[in-house]
Amino acid sequence: MSSEVKKNKTIVNMEMLLFALNQLKNKIGLTFKNPTLLQTALTHSSYLNENPGAFAFSNERLELLGDAVLGLVITERLFREYPEYDEGKLTRLRSALVRRETLAKIAATIELGEYLYLSKGEAASGGRTKSANLASALEALIAAAYLDRGLSGAKQLISSLFDTQIRQSARFTAETDYKSRLQEIMQSRQQGSPSYVLVEAAGPDHNRRFTVEVRIGNKTLGRGIGKSKKAAEMEAAKEALQNL
């Protein structure tokens, strides 16, 4: 390859990088001092296999660091914001937040896959929407923010991306624990497992309201109302725990 061709290729790559940088900056609210870190975070190993020497590294090393940074930041935040949660509940909540499926979902919200450097084959096989690629790229992006802006920069990025998911996961964990806790109590009293009975389903299809009672035998322990049977069951379990 002539020096002129190499120069033109470098210019094209830098233009692509600057485009991605500007697009991502608007989506994540974080400016990178070192664009090369962002470039590395977006580089899949398949791209280097197809284009040897194009970039120095793929995002695999950054992925490892990002996983550790994400785990630390998420764990610290949960520890501070949910002082009533014990170790087991914190662990379950953290696991739900840092698993591949969650990371891929969050990465998709900022269309991270569109900015990845992939081989032609990987791109053609749907690589921009693969959960593994999206999750890895998000972890690499977090590592790049950490190296570029320190822990405060990583926290800023994680906060902007994970806020909604943290609240949703915490609510789901709390709701799930209502039913689990009620069952534990009933079994410890040797009263068997509680049953959830649909009492009423009212309202139009777009605004249904379900009423559920949780019972032990013929005894009603609590009643709940929700927009789904699952939500009504959670409310019934919550009321039962309060009554107990």
Protein backbone atom coordinates (compact mmCIF):
# COMPACT_ATOMS: atom_id res chain seq x y z
CA MET A 1 0.00 0.00 0.00
CA SER A 2 1.45 3.38 -1.01
CA SER A 3 2.00 6.14 1.54
CA GLU A 4 -0.69 8.23 -0.17
CA VAL A 5 -3.27 5.44 0.09
CA LYS A 6 -2.38 4.92 3.75
CA LYS A 7 -2.76 8.64 4.36
CA ASN A 8 -6.19 8.70 2.70
CA LYS A 9 -7.28 5.66 4.72
CA THR A 10 -6.18 7.39 7.93
CA ILE A 11 -8.15 10.48 6.99
CA VAL A 12 -11.28 8.39 6.31
CA ASN A 13 -10.90 6.56 9.62
CA MET A 14 -10.46 9.83 11.50
CA GLU A 15 -13.54 11.30 9.82
CA MET A 16 -15.54 8.25 10.85
CA LEU A 17 -14.18 8.51 14.37
CA LEU A 18 -14.99 12.21 14.70
CA PHE A 19 -18.50 11.55 13.39
CA ALA A 20 -19.02 8.80 15.96
CA LEU A 21 -17.52 11.01 18.66
CA ASN A 22 -19.93 13.85 17.96
CA GLN A 23 -22.93 11.56 17.70
CA LEU A 24 -22.14 9.68 20.91
CA LYS A 25 -21.31 12.89 22.77
CA ASN A 26 -24.84 14.09 22.18
CA LYS A 27 -26.29 10.79 23.36
CA ILE A 28 -24.19 10.21 26.47
CA GLY A 29 -23.32 13.77 27.46
CA LEU A 30 -19.60 13.03 27.74
CA THR A 31 -16.74 14.53 25.76
CA PHE A 32 -13.57 12.49 25.28
CA LYS A 33 -10.20 14.21 25.57
CA ASN A 34 -8.51 11.28 23.81
CA PRO A 35 -10.49 10.16 20.72
CA THR A 36 -8.29 7.10 20.33
CA LEU A 37 -9.82 5.59 23.46
CA LEU A 38 -13.27 5.90 21.92
CA GLN A 39 -11.98 4.40 18.69
CA THR A 40 -10.61 1.40 20.56
CA ALA A 41 -13.86 0.97 22.50
CA LEU A 42 -15.75 0.75 19.21
CA THR A 43 -13.37 -1.68 17.48
CA HIS A 44 -14.48 -5.31 17.30
CA SER A 45 -11.75 -7.92 16.94
CA SER A 46 -13.20 -9.02 13.59
CA TYR A 47 -12.37 -5.63 12.11
CA LEU A 48 -8.68 -5.99 12.95
CA ASN A 49 -8.65 -9.53 11.58
CA GLU A 50 -9.94 -8.20 8.28
CA ASN A 51 -7.90 -4.98 8.41
CA PRO A 52 -4.59 -5.83 10.09
CA GLY A 53 -2.72 -2.74 11.20
CA ALA A 54 -5.73 -0.43 10.84
CA PHE A 55 -5.85 0.21 14.59
CA ALA A 56 -3.59 -0.84 17.43
CA PHE A 57 -6.13 -2.76 19.54
CA SER A 58 -9.64 -4.14 19.62
CA ASN A 59 -11.99 -3.39 22.51
CA GLU A 60 -11.36 -6.70 24.31
CA ARG A 61 -8.93 -5.32 26.89
CA LEU A 62 -11.16 -2.33 27.56
CA GLU A 63 -14.10 -4.69 27.98
CA LEU A 64 -12.33 -6.39 30.88
CA LEU A 65 -11.62 -3.10 32.62
CA GLY A 66 -15.11 -1.77 31.93
CA ASP A 67 -16.68 -4.81 33.53
CA ALA A 68 -14.76 -4.11 36.76
CA VAL A 69 -15.52 -0.37 36.73
CA LEU A 70 -19.21 -0.96 36.06
CA GLY A 71 -19.42 -3.51 38.87
CA LEU A 72 -17.78 -1.10 41.32
CA VAL A 73 -19.92 1.90 40.40
CA ILE A 74 -23.19 -0.04 40.37
CA THR A 75 -22.41 -1.81 43.66
CA GLU A 76 -21.49 1.45 45.40
CA ARG A 77 -24.63 3.17 44.16
CA LEU A 78 -26.91 0.34 45.25
CA PHE A 79 -25.15 0.20 48.62
CA ARG A 80 -25.77 3.91 49.21
CA GLU A 81 -29.28 4.21 47.78
CA TYR A 82 -30.80 1.03 49.24
CA PRO A 83 -29.56 0.79 52.85
CA GLU A 84 -32.49 -1.47 53.71
CA TYR A 85 -31.30 -4.19 51.31
CA ASP A 86 -29.23 -7.04 52.70
CA GLU A 87 -26.27 -8.61 50.91
CA GLY A 88 -28.37 -11.16 49.07
CA LYS A 89 -30.81 -8.61 47.70
CA LEU A 90 -28.00 -6.25 46.66
CA THR A 91 -26.25 -9.11 44.89
CA ARG A 92 -29.38 -10.10 42.97
CA LEU A 93 -30.05 -6.53 41.96
CA ARG A 94 -26.46 -5.95 40.83
CA SER A 95 -26.50 -9.18 38.82
CA ALA A 96 -29.67 -8.09 37.03
CA LEU A 97 -28.07 -4.77 36.10
CA VAL A 98 -24.69 -5.98 34.82
CA ARG A 99 -25.78 -9.11 32.93
CA ARG A 100 -25.31 -9.24 29.16
CA GLU A 101 -29.00 -8.83 28.32
CA THR A 102 -29.29 -5.62 30.33
CA LEU A 103 -26.09 -4.16 28.89
CA ALA A 104 -27.19 -4.96 25.35
CA LYS A 105 -30.58 -3.34 25.98
CA ILE A 106 -28.95 -0.16 27.29
CA ALA A 107 -26.43 -0.10 24.43
CA ALA A 108 -29.31 -0.35 21.96
CA THR A 109 -30.95 2.76 23.41
CA ILE A 110 -27.99 4.84 22.20
CA GLU A 111 -27.66 2.81 18.98
CA LEU A 112 -24.12 1.85 19.94
CA GLY A 113 -24.04 -0.93 17.37
CA GLU A 114 -24.22 1.60 14.54
CA TYR A 115 -20.82 3.00 15.51
CA LEU A 116 -18.92 -0.27 15.79
CA TYR A 117 -15.98 -1.10 13.56
CA LEU A 118 -16.88 -4.61 12.33
CA SER A 119 -15.62 -6.88 9.59
CA LYS A 120 -17.85 -7.11 6.54
CA GLY A 121 -18.82 -10.64 7.49
CA GLU A 122 -19.68 -9.74 11.09
CA ALA A 123 -21.73 -6.77 9.96
CA ALA A 124 -23.56 -8.86 7.36
CA SER A 125 -24.45 -11.50 9.95
CA GLY A 126 -26.22 -8.96 12.17
CA GLY A 127 -23.23 -8.07 14.29
CA ARG A 128 -24.53 -4.59 15.04
CA THR A 129 -27.47 -6.01 16.97
CA LYS A 130 -25.84 -9.04 18.61
CA SER A 131 -26.16 -8.92 22.38
CA ALA A 132 -22.55 -10.03 22.91
CA ASN A 133 -21.17 -7.26 20.68
CA LEU A 134 -23.37 -4.57 22.23
CA ALA A 135 -22.61 -5.60 25.81
CA SER A 136 -18.87 -5.78 25.14
CA ALA A 137 -18.85 -2.40 23.43
CA LEU A 138 -20.74 -0.79 26.30
CA GLU A 139 -18.27 -2.14 28.85
CA ALA A 140 -15.40 -0.94 26.66
CA LEU A 141 -17.03 2.49 26.41
CA ILE A 142 -17.24 2.68 30.20
CA ALA A 143 -13.56 1.74 30.46
CA ALA A 144 -12.66 4.40 27.90
CA ALA A 145 -14.55 7.00 29.94
CA TYR A 146 -12.73 5.85 33.06
CA LEU A 147 -9.29 6.11 31.44
CA ASP A 148 -10.11 9.42 29.77
CA ARG A 149 -12.02 11.22 32.55
CA GLY A 150 -11.31 9.22 35.69
CA LEU A 151 -13.81 7.56 37.98
CA SER A 152 -16.01 10.67 38.01
CA GLY A 153 -16.33 10.48 34.22
CA ALA A 154 -17.22 6.80 34.36
CA LYS A 155 -19.82 7.49 37.05
CA GLN A 156 -21.31 10.26 34.94
CA LEU A 157 -21.62 7.96 31.95
CA ILE A 158 -23.02 5.05 33.96
CA SER A 159 -25.51 7.31 35.70
CA SER A 160 -26.82 8.73 32.41
CA LEU A 161 -27.21 5.27 30.90
CA PHE A 162 -28.36 3.18 33.87
CA ASP A 163 -30.63 5.48 35.92
CA THR A 164 -33.91 4.22 34.48
CA GLN A 165 -32.83 0.58 34.54
CA ILE A 166 -31.70 0.82 38.17
CA ARG A 167 -35.09 2.15 39.26
CA GLN A 168 -36.97 -0.47 37.26
CA SER A 169 -34.81 -3.33 38.51
CA ALA A 170 -35.04 -2.14 42.12
CA ARG A 171 -38.82 -1.97 41.87
CA PHE A 172 -39.02 -5.43 40.33
CA THR A 173 -36.69 -6.85 43.01
CA ALA A 174 -38.81 -5.32 45.77
CA GLU A 175 -42.02 -6.65 44.24
CA THR A 176 -40.60 -10.12 43.77
CA ASP A 177 -39.40 -10.13 47.35
CA TYR A 178 -42.93 -9.45 48.65
CA LYS A 179 -44.11 -12.79 47.31
CA SER A 180 -40.93 -14.61 48.29
CA ARG A 181 -40.98 -13.21 51.81
CA LEU A 182 -44.66 -14.08 52.29
CA GLN A 183 -44.04 -17.65 51.16
CA GLU A 184 -41.07 -17.97 53.53
CA ILE A 185 -43.18 -16.79 56.46
CA MET A 186 -46.08 -19.11 55.66
CA GLN A 187 -43.78 -22.09 55.28
CA SER A 188 -41.94 -21.27 58.49
CA ARG A 189 -45.31 -21.41 60.23
CA GLN A 190 -46.05 -24.69 58.50
CA GLN A 191 -49.11 -23.21 56.86
CA GLY A 192 -48.16 -24.17 53.31
CA SER A 193 -47.77 -21.96 50.26
CA PRO A 194 -50.15 -19.04 49.70
CA SER A 195 -52.36 -19.05 46.62
CA TYR A 196 -53.26 -16.05 44.47
CA VAL A 197 -56.87 -15.85 43.32
CA LEU A 198 -58.14 -13.50 40.64
CA VAL A 199 -61.25 -11.88 42.09
CA GLU A 200 -62.10 -9.38 39.39
CA ALA A 201 -60.93 -8.07 36.02
CA ALA A 202 -62.67 -4.83 35.07
CA GLY A 203 -62.35 -1.98 32.60
CA PRO A 204 -61.69 -1.72 28.85
CA ASP A 205 -58.86 -3.66 27.23
CA HIS A 206 -56.56 -0.64 27.16
CA ASN A 207 -57.08 0.10 30.85
CA ARG A 208 -57.82 -3.17 32.63
CA ARG A 209 -57.76 -3.33 36.43
CA PHE A 210 -57.18 -6.66 38.13
CA THR A 211 -58.05 -7.51 41.70
CA VAL A 212 -56.26 -10.43 43.34
CA GLU A 213 -56.50 -11.96 46.81
CA VAL A 214 -53.72 -13.97 48.40
CA ARG A 215 -55.08 -16.78 50.56
CA ILE A 216 -54.07 -19.61 52.82
CA GLY A 217 -56.85 -22.12 52.51
CA ASN A 218 -60.07 -20.12 52.82
CA LYS A 219 -58.43 -17.27 54.73
CA THR A 220 -57.66 -14.06 52.83
CA LEU A 221 -54.33 -12.55 53.86
CA GLY A 222 -54.30 -9.55 51.57
CA ARG A 223 -55.83 -7.96 48.49
CA GLY A 224 -54.17 -6.10 45.64
CA ILE A 225 -55.22 -4.11 42.58
CA GLY A 226 -53.05 -3.53 39.53
CA LYS A 227 -52.93 -3.04 35.78
CA SER A 228 -51.81 -6.65 35.38
CA LYS A 229 -52.41 -9.84 37.35
CA LYS A 230 -48.75 -9.89 38.30
CA ALA A 231 -48.87 -6.35 39.67
CA ALA A 232 -52.05 -7.15 41.60
CA GLU A 233 -50.41 -10.24 43.10
CA MET A 234 -47.45 -8.16 44.28
CA GLU A 235 -49.78 -5.66 45.93
CA ALA A 236 -51.72 -8.47 47.58
CA ALA A 237 -48.51 -9.99 48.97
CA LYS A 238 -47.37 -6.57 50.19
CA GLU A 239 -50.66 -6.03 52.05
CA ALA A 240 -50.48 -9.54 53.49
CA LEU A 241 -47.00 -8.83 54.89
CA GLN A 242 -48.27 -5.61 56.44
CA ASN A 243 -51.20 -7.44 58.02
CA LEU A 244 -48.91 -10.12 59.40
